[in-house]
Amino acid sequence: MNNNIVKITYKLLNETLLLLLLIYGLILIAEGVIPGFVTSHLSFMELTLVIFANLGAIIYLGKKNDFLYADFDIKHSKMIFVLVALSFLLIGNSLLKFNLLENLVITLVSLSIFYYFYKIIFMEK
């Protein structure tokens, strides 16, 4: 295959992955606001499988053609704080039906898991 076609396909797959993840996030927000509205028309499993297929194609083309992946730098990512705040809002919305003790336990466990992932992913080794 022509190298330019492979590069264009690789970049289009990356853009498609970004759009699919954005759609997935918006659908999660819509499902949190109006429960049952989205899941009655669309399955999250189908969208998740499409995302994984897209990601698999990106990894396959990247390894086959020796494309380099850019390192993630938290100092340059301003979107990470928005995503963390949005995830806390989604977790908070899902905890509205629990009593106070259950809510505190789930919140503390969620915070500790987020902190653990932060240490693993973003701290320098």
PDB file of N, CA and C in Angstrom:
ATOM      1  N   MET A   1       0.826  -1.170   0.000  1.00  0.00           N
ATOM      2  CA  MET A   1       0.000   0.000   0.000  1.00  0.00           C
ATOM      3  C   MET A   1       0.879   1.246   0.000  1.00  0.00           C
ATOM      4  N   ASN A   2       0.364   2.296  -0.566  1.00  0.00           N
ATOM      5  CA  ASN A   2       1.079   3.560  -0.624  1.00  0.00           C
ATOM      6  C   ASN A   2       1.259   4.100   0.795  1.00  0.00           C
ATOM      7  N   ASN A   3       2.467   4.622   1.084  1.00  0.00           N
ATOM      8  CA  ASN A   3       2.763   5.100   2.424  1.00  0.00           C
ATOM      9  C   ASN A   3       1.899   6.297   2.801  1.00  0.00           C
ATOM     10  N   ASN A   4       1.564   7.155   1.838  1.00  0.00           N
ATOM     11  CA  ASN A   4       0.713   8.304   2.138  1.00  0.00           C
ATOM     12  C   ASN A   4      -0.701   7.871   2.512  1.00  0.00           C
ATOM     13  N   ILE A   5      -1.194   6.836   1.858  1.00  0.00           N
ATOM     14  CA  ILE A   5      -2.530   6.329   2.171  1.00  0.00           C
ATOM     15  C   ILE A   5      -2.548   5.755   3.585  1.00  0.00           C
ATOM     16  N   VAL A   6      -1.487   5.063   3.973  1.00  0.00           N
ATOM     17  CA  VAL A   6      -1.397   4.499   5.324  1.00  0.00           C
ATOM     18  C   VAL A   6      -1.353   5.614   6.357  1.00  0.00           C
ATOM     19  N   LYS A   7      -0.588   6.673   6.095  1.00  0.00           N
ATOM     20  CA  LYS A   7      -0.512   7.795   7.037  1.00  0.00           C
ATOM     21  C   LYS A   7      -1.860   8.501   7.173  1.00  0.00           C
ATOM     22  N   ILE A   8      -2.536   8.697   6.065  1.00  0.00           N
ATOM     23  CA  ILE A   8      -3.851   9.338   6.101  1.00  0.00           C
ATOM     24  C   ILE A   8      -4.850   8.465   6.852  1.00  0.00           C
ATOM     25  N   THR A   9      -4.820   7.151   6.600  1.00  0.00           N
ATOM     26  CA  THR A   9      -5.706   6.224   7.297  1.00  0.00           C
ATOM     27  C   THR A   9      -5.430   6.233   8.791  1.00  0.00           C
ATOM     28  N   TYR A  10      -4.145   6.256   9.156  1.00  0.00           N
ATOM     29  CA  TYR A  10      -3.757   6.282  10.566  1.00  0.00           C
ATOM     30  C   TYR A  10      -4.266   7.552  11.242  1.00  0.00           C
ATOM     31  N   LYS A  11      -4.108   8.681  10.593  1.00  0.00           N
ATOM     32  CA  LYS A  11      -4.572   9.950  11.175  1.00  0.00           C
ATOM     33  C   LYS A  11      -6.097   9.998  11.242  1.00  0.00           C
ATOM     34  N   LEU A  12      -6.773   9.467  10.236  1.00  0.00           N
ATOM     35  CA  LEU A  12      -8.241   9.431  10.271  1.00  0.00           C
ATOM     36  C   LEU A  12      -8.749   8.509  11.379  1.00  0.00           C
ATOM     37  N   LEU A  13      -8.062   7.405  11.593  1.00  0.00           N
ATOM     38  CA  LEU A  13      -8.452   6.515  12.682  1.00  0.00           C
ATOM     39  C   LEU A  13      -8.266   7.192  14.037  1.00  0.00           C
ATOM     40  N   ASN A  14      -7.192   7.975  14.176  1.00  0.00           N
ATOM     41  CA  ASN A  14      -6.992   8.720  15.425  1.00  0.00           C
ATOM     42  C   ASN A  14      -8.096   9.747  15.636  1.00  0.00           C
ATOM     43  N   GLU A  15      -8.471  10.453  14.582  1.00  0.00           N
ATOM     44  CA  GLU A  15      -9.557  11.434  14.699  1.00  0.00           C
ATOM     45  C   GLU A  15     -10.895  10.751  14.984  1.00  0.00           C
ATOM     46  N   THR A  16     -11.112   9.604  14.374  1.00  0.00           N
ATOM     47  CA  THR A  16     -12.334   8.845  14.624  1.00  0.00           C
ATOM     48  C   THR A  16     -12.387   8.368  16.070  1.00  0.00           C
ATOM     49  N   LEU A  17     -11.238   7.944  16.605  1.00  0.00           N
ATOM     50  CA  LEU A  17     -11.187   7.526  18.004  1.00  0.00           C
ATOM     51  C   LEU A  17     -11.535   8.687  18.928  1.00  0.00           C
ATOM     52  N   LEU A  18     -11.017   9.860  18.634  1.00  0.00           N
ATOM     53  CA  LEU A  18     -11.344  11.036  19.444  1.00  0.00           C
ATOM     54  C   LEU A  18     -12.842  11.332  19.402  1.00  0.00           C
ATOM     55  N   LEU A  19     -13.422  11.280  18.218  1.00  0.00           N
ATOM     56  CA  LEU A  19     -14.862  11.530  18.096  1.00  0.00           C
ATOM     57  C   LEU A  19     -15.689  10.461  18.803  1.00  0.00           C
ATOM     58  N   LEU A  20     -15.280   9.204  18.690  1.00  0.00           N
ATOM     59  CA  LEU A  20     -16.011   8.122  19.364  1.00  0.00           C
ATOM     60  C   LEU A  20     -15.946   8.272  20.880  1.00  0.00           C
ATOM     61  N   LEU A  21     -14.783   8.659  21.405  1.00  0.00           N
ATOM     62  CA  LEU A  21     -14.674   8.851  22.846  1.00  0.00           C
ATOM     63  C   LEU A  21     -15.487  10.052  23.305  1.00  0.00           C
ATOM     64  N   LEU A  22     -15.527  11.086  22.495  1.00  0.00           N
ATOM     65  CA  LEU A  22     -16.353  12.251  22.820  1.00  0.00           C
ATOM     66  C   LEU A  22     -17.830  11.877  22.825  1.00  0.00           C
ATOM     67  N   ILE A  23     -18.265  11.120  21.827  1.00  0.00           N
ATOM     68  CA  ILE A  23     -19.650  10.660  21.765  1.00  0.00           C
ATOM     69  C   ILE A  23     -19.970   9.765  22.955  1.00  0.00           C
ATOM     70  N   TYR A  24     -19.024   8.891  23.322  1.00  0.00           N
ATOM     71  CA  TYR A  24     -19.230   8.004  24.463  1.00  0.00           C
ATOM     72  C   TYR A  24     -19.423   8.807  25.749  1.00  0.00           C
ATOM     73  N   GLY A  25     -18.590   9.828  25.937  1.00  0.00           N
ATOM     74  CA  GLY A  25     -18.734  10.682  27.116  1.00  0.00           C
ATOM     75  C   GLY A  25     -20.041  11.431  27.136  1.00  0.00           C
ATOM     76  N   LEU A  26     -20.458  11.960  25.984  1.00  0.00           N
ATOM     77  CA  LEU A  26     -21.723  12.689  25.914  1.00  0.00           C
ATOM     78  C   LEU A  26     -22.916  11.764  26.165  1.00  0.00           C
ATOM     79  N   ILE A  27     -22.821  10.546  25.680  1.00  0.00           N
ATOM     80  CA  ILE A  27     -23.892   9.586  25.918  1.00  0.00           C
ATOM     81  C   ILE A  27     -23.956   9.210  27.400  1.00  0.00           C
ATOM     82  N   LEU A  28     -22.788   9.090  28.050  1.00  0.00           N
ATOM     83  CA  LEU A  28     -22.789   8.825  29.489  1.00  0.00           C
ATOM     84  C   LEU A  28     -23.423   9.969  30.267  1.00  0.00           C
ATOM     85  N   ILE A  29     -23.132  11.206  29.857  1.00  0.00           N
ATOM     86  CA  ILE A  29     -23.742  12.360  30.520  1.00  0.00           C
ATOM     87  C   ILE A  29     -25.250  12.352  30.296  1.00  0.00           C
ATOM     88  N   ALA A  30     -25.664  12.093  29.061  1.00  0.00           N
ATOM     89  CA  ALA A  30     -27.102  12.057  28.767  1.00  0.00           C
ATOM     90  C   ALA A  30     -27.790  10.946  29.548  1.00  0.00           C
ATOM     91  N   GLU A  31     -27.130   9.824  29.701  1.00  0.00           N
ATOM     92  CA  GLU A  31     -27.713   8.720  30.465  1.00  0.00           C
ATOM     93  C   GLU A  31     -27.786   9.073  31.945  1.00  0.00           C
ATOM     94  N   GLY A  32     -26.833   9.845  32.425  1.00  0.00           N
ATOM     95  CA  GLY A  32     -26.876  10.277  33.817  1.00  0.00           C
ATOM     96  C   GLY A  32     -27.973  11.290  34.078  1.00  0.00           C
ATOM     97  N   VAL A  33     -28.243  12.139  33.098  1.00  0.00           N
ATOM     98  CA  VAL A  33     -29.272  13.164  33.267  1.00  0.00           C
ATOM     99  C   VAL A  33     -30.669  12.559  33.106  1.00  0.00           C
ATOM    100  N   ILE A  34     -30.849  11.753  32.056  1.00  0.00           N
ATOM    101  CA  ILE A  34     -32.147  11.128  31.793  1.00  0.00           C
ATOM    102  C   ILE A  34     -31.927   9.608  31.729  1.00  0.00           C
ATOM    103  N   PRO A  35     -31.997   8.915  32.862  1.00  0.00           N
ATOM    104  CA  PRO A  35     -31.714   7.474  32.873  1.00  0.00           C
ATOM    105  C   PRO A  35     -32.683   6.683  31.989  1.00  0.00           C
ATOM    106  N   GLY A  36     -32.120   5.770  31.217  1.00  0.00           N
ATOM    107  CA  GLY A  36     -32.920   4.898  30.382  1.00  0.00           C
ATOM    108  C   GLY A  36     -33.251   5.446  29.007  1.00  0.00           C
ATOM    109  N   PHE A  37     -33.012   6.715  28.776  1.00  0.00           N
ATOM    110  CA  PHE A  37     -33.360   7.312  27.488  1.00  0.00           C
ATOM    111  C   PHE A  37     -32.418   6.835  26.381  1.00  0.00           C
ATOM    112  N   VAL A  38     -31.140   6.840  26.655  1.00  0.00           N
ATOM    113  CA  VAL A  38     -30.163   6.454  25.636  1.00  0.00           C
ATOM    114  C   VAL A  38     -30.078   4.944  25.510  1.00  0.00           C
ATOM    115  N   THR A  39     -30.072   4.242  26.648  1.00  0.00           N
ATOM    116  CA  THR A  39     -29.893   2.794  26.598  1.00  0.00           C
ATOM    117  C   THR A  39     -31.090   2.069  25.987  1.00  0.00           C
ATOM    118  N   SER A  40     -32.219   2.735  25.880  1.00  0.00           N
ATOM    119  CA  SER A  40     -33.348   2.094  25.207  1.00  0.00           C
ATOM    120  C   SER A  40     -33.160   2.094  23.693  1.00  0.00           C
ATOM    121  N   HIS A  41     -32.290   2.951  23.182  1.00  0.00           N
ATOM    122  CA  HIS A  41     -32.059   3.047  21.740  1.00  0.00           C
ATOM    123  C   HIS A  41     -30.670   2.553  21.314  1.00  0.00           C
ATOM    124  N   LEU A  42     -29.706   2.595  22.219  1.00  0.00           N
ATOM    125  CA  LEU A  42     -28.324   2.291  21.862  1.00  0.00           C
ATOM    126  C   LEU A  42     -27.675   1.471  22.967  1.00  0.00           C
ATOM    127  N   SER A  43     -26.914   0.479  22.578  1.00  0.00           N
ATOM    128  CA  SER A  43     -26.212  -0.348  23.554  1.00  0.00           C
ATOM    129  C   SER A  43     -24.803   0.199  23.750  1.00  0.00           C
ATOM    130  N   PHE A  44     -24.400   0.340  25.018  1.00  0.00           N
ATOM    131  CA  PHE A  44     -23.040   0.784  25.303  1.00  0.00           C
ATOM    132  C   PHE A  44     -22.022  -0.258  24.848  1.00  0.00           C
ATOM    133  N   MET A  45     -22.412  -1.529  24.852  1.00  0.00           N
ATOM    134  CA  MET A  45     -21.490  -2.586  24.436  1.00  0.00           C
ATOM    135  C   MET A  45     -21.116  -2.444  22.967  1.00  0.00           C
ATOM    136  N   GLU A  46     -22.077  -2.118  22.119  1.00  0.00           N
ATOM    137  CA  GLU A  46     -21.777  -1.945  20.697  1.00  0.00           C
ATOM    138  C   GLU A  46     -20.800  -0.795  20.479  1.00  0.00           C
ATOM    139  N   LEU A  47     -21.031   0.323  21.152  1.00  0.00           N
ATOM    140  CA  LEU A  47     -20.144   1.466  21.011  1.00  0.00           C
ATOM    141  C   LEU A  47     -18.763   1.155  21.576  1.00  0.00           C
ATOM    142  N   THR A  48     -18.707   0.412  22.666  1.00  0.00           N
ATOM    143  CA  THR A  48     -17.423   0.023  23.243  1.00  0.00           C
ATOM    144  C   THR A  48     -16.660  -0.893  22.296  1.00  0.00           C
ATOM    145  N   LEU A  49     -17.341  -1.814  21.656  1.00  0.00           N
ATOM    146  CA  LEU A  49     -16.686  -2.698  20.688  1.00  0.00           C
ATOM    147  C   LEU A  49     -16.164  -1.930  19.484  1.00  0.00           C
ATOM    148  N   VAL A  50     -16.904  -0.928  19.026  1.00  0.00           N
ATOM    149  CA  VAL A  50     -16.440  -0.094  17.913  1.00  0.00           C
ATOM    150  C   VAL A  50     -15.191   0.688  18.321  1.00  0.00           C
ATOM    151  N   ILE A  51     -15.180   1.192  19.552  1.00  0.00           N
ATOM    152  CA  ILE A  51     -14.006   1.923  20.034  1.00  0.00           C
ATOM    153  C   ILE A  51     -12.795   1.003  20.110  1.00  0.00           C
ATOM    154  N   PHE A  52     -12.976  -0.208  20.634  1.00  0.00           N
ATOM    155  CA  PHE A  52     -11.858  -1.141  20.720  1.00  0.00           C
ATOM    156  C   PHE A  52     -11.388  -1.596  19.339  1.00  0.00           C
ATOM    157  N   ALA A  53     -12.289  -1.767  18.394  1.00  0.00           N
ATOM    158  CA  ALA A  53     -11.891  -2.120  17.028  1.00  0.00           C
ATOM    159  C   ALA A  53     -11.076  -0.984  16.403  1.00  0.00           C
ATOM    160  N   ASN A  54     -11.507   0.235  16.615  1.00  0.00           N
ATOM    161  CA  ASN A  54     -10.777   1.391  16.105  1.00  0.00           C
ATOM    162  C   ASN A  54      -9.394   1.467  16.754  1.00  0.00           C
ATOM    163  N   LEU A  55      -9.332   1.268  18.060  1.00  0.00           N
ATOM    164  CA  LEU A  55      -8.069   1.297  18.767  1.00  0.00           C
ATOM    165  C   LEU A  55      -7.149   0.174  18.300  1.00  0.00           C
ATOM    166  N   GLY A  56      -7.700  -0.995  18.063  1.00  0.00           N
ATOM    167  CA  GLY A  56      -6.910  -2.111  17.534  1.00  0.00           C
ATOM    168  C   GLY A  56      -6.337  -1.808  16.166  1.00  0.00           C
ATOM    169  N   ALA A  57      -7.132  -1.164  15.300  1.00  0.00           N
ATOM    170  CA  ALA A  57      -6.629  -0.792  13.973  1.00  0.00           C
ATOM    171  C   ALA A  57      -5.519   0.250  14.078  1.00  0.00           C
ATOM    172  N   ILE A  58      -5.643   1.180  15.012  1.00  0.00           N
ATOM    173  CA  ILE A  58      -4.595   2.184  15.212  1.00  0.00           C
ATOM    174  C   ILE A  58      -3.300   1.519  15.686  1.00  0.00           C
ATOM    175  N   ILE A  59      -3.417   0.615  16.634  1.00  0.00           N
ATOM    176  CA  ILE A  59      -2.228  -0.073  17.151  1.00  0.00           C
ATOM    177  C   ILE A  59      -1.594  -0.931  16.063  1.00  0.00           C
ATOM    178  N   TYR A  60      -2.411  -1.625  15.285  1.00  0.00           N
ATOM    179  CA  TYR A  60      -1.898  -2.476  14.213  1.00  0.00           C
ATOM    180  C   TYR A  60      -1.147  -1.651  13.163  1.00  0.00           C
ATOM    181  N   LEU A  61      -1.760  -0.571  12.697  1.00  0.00           N
ATOM    182  CA  LEU A  61      -1.085   0.270  11.701  1.00  0.00           C
ATOM    183  C   LEU A  61       0.167   0.935  12.274  1.00  0.00           C
ATOM    184  N   GLY A  62       0.108   1.323  13.551  1.00  0.00           N
ATOM    185  CA  GLY A  62       1.259   1.958  14.171  1.00  0.00           C
ATOM    186  C   GLY A  62       2.445   1.024  14.301  1.00  0.00           C
ATOM    187  N   LYS A  63       2.181  -0.214  14.693  1.00  0.00           N
ATOM    188  CA  LYS A  63       3.280  -1.173  14.843  1.00  0.00           C
ATOM    189  C   LYS A  63       3.797  -1.649  13.492  1.00  0.00           C
ATOM    190  N   LYS A  64       2.904  -1.828  12.543  1.00  0.00           N
ATOM    191  CA  LYS A  64       3.313  -2.319  11.231  1.00  0.00           C
ATOM    192  C   LYS A  64       4.164  -1.296  10.488  1.00  0.00           C
ATOM    193  N   ASN A  65       3.869  -0.022  10.658  1.00  0.00           N
ATOM    194  CA  ASN A  65       4.576   1.027   9.918  1.00  0.00           C
ATOM    195  C   ASN A  65       5.521   1.855  10.778  1.00  0.00           C
ATOM    196  N   ASP A  66       5.779   1.407  12.009  1.00  0.00           N
ATOM    197  CA  ASP A  66       6.713   2.060  12.936  1.00  0.00           C
ATOM    198  C   ASP A  66       6.386   3.528  13.172  1.00  0.00           C
ATOM    199  N   PHE A  67       5.118   3.810  13.433  1.00  0.00           N
ATOM    200  CA  PHE A  67       4.739   5.169  13.816  1.00  0.00           C
ATOM    201  C   PHE A  67       5.028   5.329  15.304  1.00  0.00           C
ATOM    202  N   LEU A  68       5.547   6.471  15.678  1.00  0.00           N
ATOM    203  CA  LEU A  68       5.885   6.729  17.068  1.00  0.00           C
ATOM    204  C   LEU A  68       4.687   7.335  17.789  1.00  0.00           C
ATOM    205  N   TYR A  69       4.526   6.961  19.025  1.00  0.00           N
ATOM    206  CA  TYR A  69       3.462   7.508  19.849  1.00  0.00           C
ATOM    207  C   TYR A  69       4.027   8.657  20.676  1.00  0.00           C
ATOM    208  N   ALA A  70       3.266   9.714  20.796  1.00  0.00           N
ATOM    209  CA  ALA A  70       3.703  10.852  21.599  1.00  0.00           C
ATOM    210  C   ALA A  70       3.476  10.542  23.073  1.00  0.00           C
ATOM    211  N   ASP A  71       4.426  10.938  23.897  1.00  0.00           N
ATOM    212  CA  ASP A  71       4.285  10.758  25.340  1.00  0.00           C
ATOM    213  C   ASP A  71       3.260  11.746  25.875  1.00  0.00           C
ATOM    214  N   PHE A  72       2.507  11.290  26.850  1.00  0.00           N
ATOM    215  CA  PHE A  72       1.495  12.145  27.471  1.00  0.00           C
ATOM    216  C   PHE A  72       2.168  12.989  28.541  1.00  0.00           C
ATOM    217  N   ASP A  73       1.955  14.282  28.489  1.00  0.00           N
ATOM    218  CA  ASP A  73       2.532  15.193  29.465  1.00  0.00           C
ATOM    219  C   ASP A  73       1.397  15.914  30.172  1.00  0.00           C
ATOM    220  N   ILE A  74       1.275  15.692  31.473  1.00  0.00           N
ATOM    221  CA  ILE A  74       0.161  16.278  32.216  1.00  0.00           C
ATOM    222  C   ILE A  74       0.285  17.793  32.308  1.00  0.00           C
ATOM    223  N   LYS A  75       1.496  18.320  32.194  1.00  0.00           N
ATOM    224  CA  LYS A  75       1.684  19.759  32.294  1.00  0.00           C
ATOM    225  C   LYS A  75       1.024  20.483  31.127  1.00  0.00           C
ATOM    226  N   HIS A  76       0.926  19.830  30.009  1.00  0.00           N
ATOM    227  CA  HIS A  76       0.344  20.449  28.827  1.00  0.00           C
ATOM    228  C   HIS A  76      -1.122  20.094  28.621  1.00  0.00           C
ATOM    229  N   SER A  77      -1.634  19.219  29.435  1.00  0.00           N
ATOM    230  CA  SER A  77      -3.014  18.796  29.269  1.00  0.00           C
ATOM    231  C   SER A  77      -3.920  19.544  30.237  1.00  0.00           C
ATOM    232  N   LYS A  78      -4.694  20.463  29.707  1.00  0.00           N
ATOM    233  CA  LYS A  78      -5.640  21.202  30.531  1.00  0.00           C
ATOM    234  C   LYS A  78      -6.983  20.477  30.604  1.00  0.00           C
ATOM    235  N   MET A  79      -7.181  19.530  29.726  1.00  0.00           N
ATOM    236  CA  MET A  79      -8.439  18.816  29.661  1.00  0.00           C
ATOM    237  C   MET A  79      -8.571  17.780  30.776  1.00  0.00           C
ATOM    238  N   ILE A  80      -7.445  17.347  31.360  1.00  0.00           N
ATOM    239  CA  ILE A  80      -7.500  16.306  32.377  1.00  0.00           C
ATOM    240  C   ILE A  80      -8.287  16.764  33.595  1.00  0.00           C
ATOM    241  N   PHE A  81      -8.179  18.037  33.957  1.00  0.00           N
ATOM    242  CA  PHE A  81      -8.902  18.534  35.124  1.00  0.00           C
ATOM    243  C   PHE A  81     -10.404  18.596  34.848  1.00  0.00           C
ATOM    244  N   VAL A  82     -10.772  18.922  33.624  1.00  0.00           N
ATOM    245  CA  VAL A  82     -12.190  18.929  33.243  1.00  0.00           C
ATOM    246  C   VAL A  82     -12.740  17.506  33.285  1.00  0.00           C
ATOM    247  N   LEU A  83     -11.962  16.550  32.807  1.00  0.00           N
ATOM    248  CA  LEU A  83     -12.414  15.161  32.812  1.00  0.00           C
ATOM    249  C   LEU A  83     -12.550  14.610  34.228  1.00  0.00           C
ATOM    250  N   VAL A  84     -11.631  14.981  35.114  1.00  0.00           N
ATOM    251  CA  VAL A  84     -11.725  14.524  36.502  1.00  0.00           C
ATOM    252  C   VAL A  84     -12.953  15.128  37.170  1.00  0.00           C
ATOM    253  N   ALA A  85     -13.192  16.420  36.943  1.00  0.00           N
ATOM    254  CA  ALA A  85     -14.374  17.066  37.527  1.00  0.00           C
ATOM    255  C   ALA A  85     -15.653  16.439  36.976  1.00  0.00           C
ATOM    256  N   LEU A  86     -15.684  16.140  35.686  1.00  0.00           N
ATOM    257  CA  LEU A  86     -16.855  15.515  35.080  1.00  0.00           C
ATOM    258  C   LEU A  86     -17.084  14.113  35.640  1.00  0.00           C
ATOM    259  N   SER A  87     -16.006  13.373  35.869  1.00  0.00           N
ATOM    260  CA  SER A  87     -16.165  12.029  36.430  1.00  0.00           C
ATOM    261  C   SER A  87     -16.693  12.093  37.865  1.00  0.00           C
ATOM    262  N   PHE A  88     -16.245  13.087  38.640  1.00  0.00           N
ATOM    263  CA  PHE A  88     -16.793  13.238  39.990  1.00  0.00           C
ATOM    264  C   PHE A  88     -18.274  13.601  39.949  1.00  0.00           C
ATOM    265  N   LEU A  89     -18.674  14.426  38.991  1.00  0.00           N
ATOM    266  CA  LEU A  89     -20.092  14.756  38.858  1.00  0.00           C
ATOM    267  C   LEU A  89     -20.919  13.529  38.494  1.00  0.00           C
ATOM    268  N   LEU A  90     -20.400  12.685  37.597  1.00  0.00           N
ATOM    269  CA  LEU A  90     -21.127  11.467  37.231  1.00  0.00           C
ATOM    270  C   LEU A  90     -21.227  10.505  38.416  1.00  0.00           C
ATOM    271  N   ILE A  91     -20.144  10.386  39.178  1.00  0.00           N
ATOM    272  CA  ILE A  91     -20.178   9.514  40.356  1.00  0.00           C
ATOM    273  C   ILE A  91     -21.157  10.076  41.384  1.00  0.00           C
ATOM    274  N   GLY A  92     -21.119  11.395  41.594  1.00  0.00           N
ATOM    275  CA  GLY A  92     -22.038  12.020  42.536  1.00  0.00           C
ATOM    276  C   GLY A  92     -23.487  11.847  42.135  1.00  0.00           C
ATOM    277  N   ASN A  93     -23.759  11.936  40.843  1.00  0.00           N
ATOM    278  CA  ASN A  93     -25.123  11.747  40.352  1.00  0.00           C
ATOM    279  C   ASN A  93     -25.594  10.309  40.566  1.00  0.00           C
ATOM    280  N   SER A  94     -24.687   9.376  40.442  1.00  0.00           N
ATOM    281  CA  SER A  94     -25.085   7.980  40.624  1.00  0.00           C
ATOM    282  C   SER A  94     -25.285   7.631  42.093  1.00  0.00           C
ATOM    283  N   LEU A  95     -24.783   8.464  43.008  1.00  0.00           N
ATOM    284  CA  LEU A  95     -24.887   8.166  44.437  1.00  0.00           C
ATOM    285  C   LEU A  95     -26.079   8.826  45.115  1.00  0.00           C
ATOM    286  N   LEU A  96     -26.954   9.451  44.380  1.00  0.00           N
ATOM    287  CA  LEU A  96     -28.066  10.178  44.991  1.00  0.00           C
ATOM    288  C   LEU A  96     -29.053   9.270  45.731  1.00  0.00           C
ATOM    289  N   LYS A  97     -29.180   8.027  45.327  1.00  0.00           N
ATOM    290  CA  LYS A  97     -30.159   7.123  45.938  1.00  0.00           C
ATOM    291  C   LYS A  97     -29.633   6.401  47.180  1.00  0.00           C
ATOM    292  N   PHE A  98     -28.327   6.505  47.455  1.00  0.00           N
ATOM    293  CA  PHE A  98     -27.748   5.822  48.608  1.00  0.00           C
ATOM    294  C   PHE A  98     -27.908   6.660  49.865  1.00  0.00           C
ATOM    295  N   ASN A  99     -27.840   5.988  51.026  1.00  0.00           N
ATOM    296  CA  ASN A  99     -27.862   6.756  52.271  1.00  0.00           C
ATOM    297  C   ASN A  99     -26.476   7.337  52.527  1.00  0.00           C
ATOM    298  N   LEU A 100     -26.336   8.148  53.572  1.00  0.00           N
ATOM    299  CA  LEU A 100     -25.121   8.917  53.799  1.00  0.00           C
ATOM    300  C   LEU A 100     -23.910   8.038  54.054  1.00  0.00           C
ATOM    301  N   LEU A 101     -24.036   6.989  54.843  1.00  0.00           N
ATOM    302  CA  LEU A 101     -22.897   6.125  55.149  1.00  0.00           C
ATOM    303  C   LEU A 101     -22.391   5.411  53.897  1.00  0.00           C
ATOM    304  N   GLU A 102     -23.289   4.852  53.116  1.00  0.00           N
ATOM    305  CA  GLU A 102     -22.895   4.193  51.874  1.00  0.00           C
ATOM    306  C   GLU A 102     -22.247   5.188  50.914  1.00  0.00           C
ATOM    307  N   ASN A 103     -22.800   6.402  50.857  1.00  0.00           N
ATOM    308  CA  ASN A 103     -22.272   7.441  49.994  1.00  0.00           C
ATOM    309  C   ASN A 103     -20.842   7.802  50.379  1.00  0.00           C
ATOM    310  N   LEU A 104     -20.576   7.922  51.680  1.00  0.00           N
ATOM    311  CA  LEU A 104     -19.226   8.249  52.140  1.00  0.00           C
ATOM    312  C   LEU A 104     -18.229   7.140  51.827  1.00  0.00           C
ATOM    313  N   VAL A 105     -18.633   5.896  52.039  1.00  0.00           N
ATOM    314  CA  VAL A 105     -17.734   4.773  51.758  1.00  0.00           C
ATOM    315  C   VAL A 105     -17.407   4.713  50.267  1.00  0.00           C
ATOM    316  N   ILE A 106     -18.402   4.822  49.418  1.00  0.00           N
ATOM    317  CA  ILE A 106     -18.176   4.763  47.970  1.00  0.00           C
ATOM    318  C   ILE A 106     -17.324   5.936  47.512  1.00  0.00           C
ATOM    319  N   THR A 107     -17.553   7.114  48.077  1.00  0.00           N
ATOM    320  CA  THR A 107     -16.773   8.286  47.693  1.00  0.00           C
ATOM    321  C   THR A 107     -15.317   8.132  48.119  1.00  0.00           C
ATOM    322  N   LEU A 108     -15.068   7.666  49.326  1.00  0.00           N
ATOM    323  CA  LEU A 108     -13.691   7.475  49.782  1.00  0.00           C
ATOM    324  C   LEU A 108     -12.963   6.416  48.962  1.00  0.00           C
ATOM    325  N   VAL A 109     -13.636   5.328  48.641  1.00  0.00           N
ATOM    326  CA  VAL A 109     -13.021   4.295  47.811  1.00  0.00           C
ATOM    327  C   VAL A 109     -12.727   4.837  46.413  1.00  0.00           C
ATOM    328  N   SER A 110     -13.651   5.596  45.842  1.00  0.00           N
ATOM    329  CA  SER A 110     -13.436   6.184  44.517  1.00  0.00           C
ATOM    330  C   SER A 110     -12.269   7.166  44.523  1.00  0.00           C
ATOM    331  N   LEU A 111     -12.192   7.994  45.564  1.00  0.00           N
ATOM    332  CA  LEU A 111     -11.082   8.938  45.664  1.00  0.00           C
ATOM    333  C   LEU A 111      -9.744   8.222  45.807  1.00  0.00           C
ATOM    334  N   SER A 112      -9.714   7.162  46.590  1.00  0.00           N
ATOM    335  CA  SER A 112      -8.459   6.425  46.747  1.00  0.00           C
ATOM    336  C   SER A 112      -8.057   5.733  45.448  1.00  0.00           C
ATOM    337  N   ILE A 113      -9.020   5.235  44.696  1.00  0.00           N
ATOM    338  CA  ILE A 113      -8.705   4.615  43.401  1.00  0.00           C
ATOM    339  C   ILE A 113      -8.187   5.656  42.414  1.00  0.00           C
ATOM    340  N   PHE A 114      -8.855   6.832  42.377  1.00  0.00           N
ATOM    341  CA  PHE A 114      -8.362   7.894  41.503  1.00  0.00           C
ATOM    342  C   PHE A 114      -6.945   8.310  41.889  1.00  0.00           C
ATOM    343  N   TYR A 115      -6.661   8.434  43.177  1.00  0.00           N
ATOM    344  CA  TYR A 115      -5.325   8.820  43.630  1.00  0.00           C
ATOM    345  C   TYR A 115      -4.303   7.753  43.260  1.00  0.00           C
ATOM    346  N   TYR A 116      -4.661   6.489  43.412  1.00  0.00           N
ATOM    347  CA  TYR A 116      -3.751   5.398  43.059  1.00  0.00           C
ATOM    348  C   TYR A 116      -3.431   5.423  41.567  1.00  0.00           C
ATOM    349  N   PHE A 117      -4.455   5.605  40.723  1.00  0.00           N
ATOM    350  CA  PHE A 117      -4.199   5.701  39.279  1.00  0.00           C
ATOM    351  C   PHE A 117      -3.358   6.917  38.940  1.00  0.00           C
ATOM    352  N   TYR A 118      -3.581   8.029  39.647  1.00  0.00           N
ATOM    353  CA  TYR A 118      -2.782   9.228  39.427  1.00  0.00           C
ATOM    354  C   TYR A 118      -1.315   8.956  39.738  1.00  0.00           C
ATOM    355  N   LYS A 119      -1.066   8.274  40.854  1.00  0.00           N
ATOM    356  CA  LYS A 119       0.315   7.951  41.214  1.00  0.00           C
ATOM    357  C   LYS A 119       0.956   7.030  40.195  1.00  0.00           C
ATOM    358  N   ILE A 120       0.216   6.049  39.722  1.00  0.00           N
ATOM    359  CA  ILE A 120       0.781   5.083  38.783  1.00  0.00           C
ATOM    360  C   ILE A 120       1.054   5.723  37.428  1.00  0.00           C
ATOM    361  N   ILE A 121       0.118   6.511  36.933  1.00  0.00           N
ATOM    362  CA  ILE A 121       0.213   7.023  35.565  1.00  0.00           C
ATOM    363  C   ILE A 121       1.066   8.278  35.466  1.00  0.00           C
ATOM    364  N   PHE A 122       0.874   9.227  36.375  1.00  0.00           N
ATOM    365  CA  PHE A 122       1.444  10.548  36.170  1.00  0.00           C
ATOM    366  C   PHE A 122       2.686  10.870  36.991  1.00  0.00           C
ATOM    367  N   MET A 123       2.986  10.128  38.009  1.00  0.00           N
ATOM    368  CA  MET A 123       4.183  10.426  38.803  1.00  0.00           C
ATOM    369  C   MET A 123       5.408   9.918  38.067  1.00  0.00           C
ATOM    370  N   GLU A 124       6.482  10.668  38.206  1.00  0.00           N
ATOM    371  CA  GLU A 124       7.739  10.282  37.553  1.00  0.00           C
ATOM    372  C   GLU A 124       8.354   9.113  38.292  1.00  0.00           C
ATOM    373  N   LYS A 125       9.017   8.255  37.544  1.00  0.00           N
ATOM    374  CA  LYS A 125       9.603   7.056  38.139  1.00  0.00           C
ATOM    375  C   LYS A 125      11.062   7.264  38.386  1.00  0.00           C
TER     376      LYS A 125
END
